[in-house]
Structure formats: C-alpha cells, structure tokens
Protein backbone atom coordinates (compact mmCIF):
# COMPACT_ATOMS: atom_id res chain seq x y z
CA MET A 1 -12.28 38.60 -2.08
CA VAL A 2 -9.79 35.60 -1.06
CA ASN A 3 -8.06 36.50 -4.21
CA TRP A 4 -7.78 40.57 -3.48
CA GLY A 5 -6.18 38.97 0.11
CA ALA A 6 -3.38 36.72 -1.57
CA ASN A 7 -2.19 39.83 -4.54
CA PHE A 8 -2.37 41.99 -1.22
CA VAL A 9 0.12 39.61 0.19
CA VAL A 10 1.98 39.23 -2.81
CA THR A 11 2.13 42.70 -2.51
CA ILE A 12 3.37 43.64 0.87
CA SER A 13 5.57 40.58 0.94
CA PHE A 14 7.37 40.79 -2.25
CA LEU A 15 9.70 43.42 -1.93
CA THR A 16 10.91 42.39 1.58
CA LEU A 17 11.18 38.73 0.12
CA LEU A 18 13.15 40.56 -3.16
CA ASN A 19 15.45 42.01 -0.55
CA ALA A 20 16.11 39.35 1.85
CA ILE A 21 16.14 36.52 -1.11
CA SER A 22 17.16 38.01 -4.00
CA GLY A 23 14.51 37.46 -7.53
CA VAL A 24 15.58 34.07 -8.01
CA GLY A 25 15.11 33.09 -3.93
CA THR A 26 12.04 34.96 -4.59
CA LEU A 27 10.62 33.10 -7.41
CA PHE A 28 11.66 29.64 -6.60
CA LEU A 29 9.65 30.32 -3.32
CA PHE A 30 6.50 31.86 -4.49
CA GLY A 31 6.48 28.52 -7.21
CA PHE A 32 7.05 26.08 -4.33
CA LEU A 33 4.09 27.92 -2.47
CA THR A 34 2.22 27.48 -6.67
CA LEU A 35 2.91 23.87 -6.03
CA VAL A 36 1.91 23.39 -2.77
CA VAL A 37 -1.51 25.26 -3.14
CA LEU A 38 -2.22 22.89 -6.42
CA ALA A 39 -1.02 19.91 -4.61
CA TYR A 40 -3.40 20.40 -1.52
CA PHE A 41 -5.99 21.45 -4.28
CA TRP A 42 -5.98 18.20 -6.58
CA ARG A 43 -6.49 16.15 -3.07
CA LYS A 44 -8.88 17.65 -1.70
CA VAL A 45 -11.09 19.46 -3.74
CA PRO A 46 -13.53 17.00 -5.56
CA GLU A 47 -14.29 17.59 -9.30
CA THR A 48 -17.54 19.21 -9.75
CA LYS A 49 -17.75 19.14 -13.71
CA GLY A 50 -21.23 17.54 -14.84
CA ARG A 51 -22.32 16.81 -11.73
CA SER A 52 -25.93 18.19 -10.59
CA PRO A 53 -25.64 20.57 -7.81
CA GLU A 54 -27.91 18.22 -5.92
CA GLU A 55 -25.00 15.47 -5.89
CA ILE A 56 -22.93 17.84 -4.77
CA GLU A 57 -24.51 18.70 -2.29
CA ARG A 58 -25.53 15.56 -1.24
CA ASP A 59 -21.55 14.10 -1.18
CA LEU A 60 -20.60 16.87 0.44
CA ALA A 61 -23.80 16.48 3.16
CA VAL A 62 -21.85 15.82 7.09
CA ASP A 63 -25.35 13.70 7.50
CA PRO A 64 -26.36 12.01 3.79
CA GLY A 65 -29.74 11.52 5.27
CA ALA A 66 -29.96 15.28 5.76
CA VAL A 67 -29.89 16.46 2.29
CA GLU A 68 -33.01 13.82 1.11
CA SER A 69 -35.29 15.49 3.98
CA VAL A 70 -34.55 19.13 3.36
CA ALA A 71 -35.67 18.26 -0.06
CA VAL A 72 -38.45 16.79 1.64
CA ARG A 73 -39.79 19.59 3.00
CA HIS A 74 -40.05 21.74 0.05
C-alpha cells in the first residue's frame, strides 16, 4: 500500500515538476529525496537478517518484560 501511494505521488507530481524545474531539476530532486530516505532507513530501521522473530520482538518492545510475560501466558 505504501509503494502504491509513493507511485501515485510521483505520477501526480512528475509533470508539474518537469514543467516547473526542468528534467534535470526533477531528476536531482527525486535523487535527493531518495538519499534522504536511504539515510533515514540506515539510521532508524534495525537489521533483522539472521535474527529470530522473538529477538526482533524483544528489541522492539517498549517494556522488555512485557514480551516475556506474554510468552509465558501462551
């Protein structure tokens, strides 16, 4: 859904940007926004490769004891 929304925004804004800041300006704008998003994900989204769902859930829990108490109840 997020991918569809992003594609929709690009589709709606592309021709307007092309007329307003030229083809090169549009390319650099989208390139800059890509770098900003890449930097955000690099800093804010944790790596999950090779980790179990339980480890990820424990790291993302606001209250670390809450995950263990839920696991004990089941």
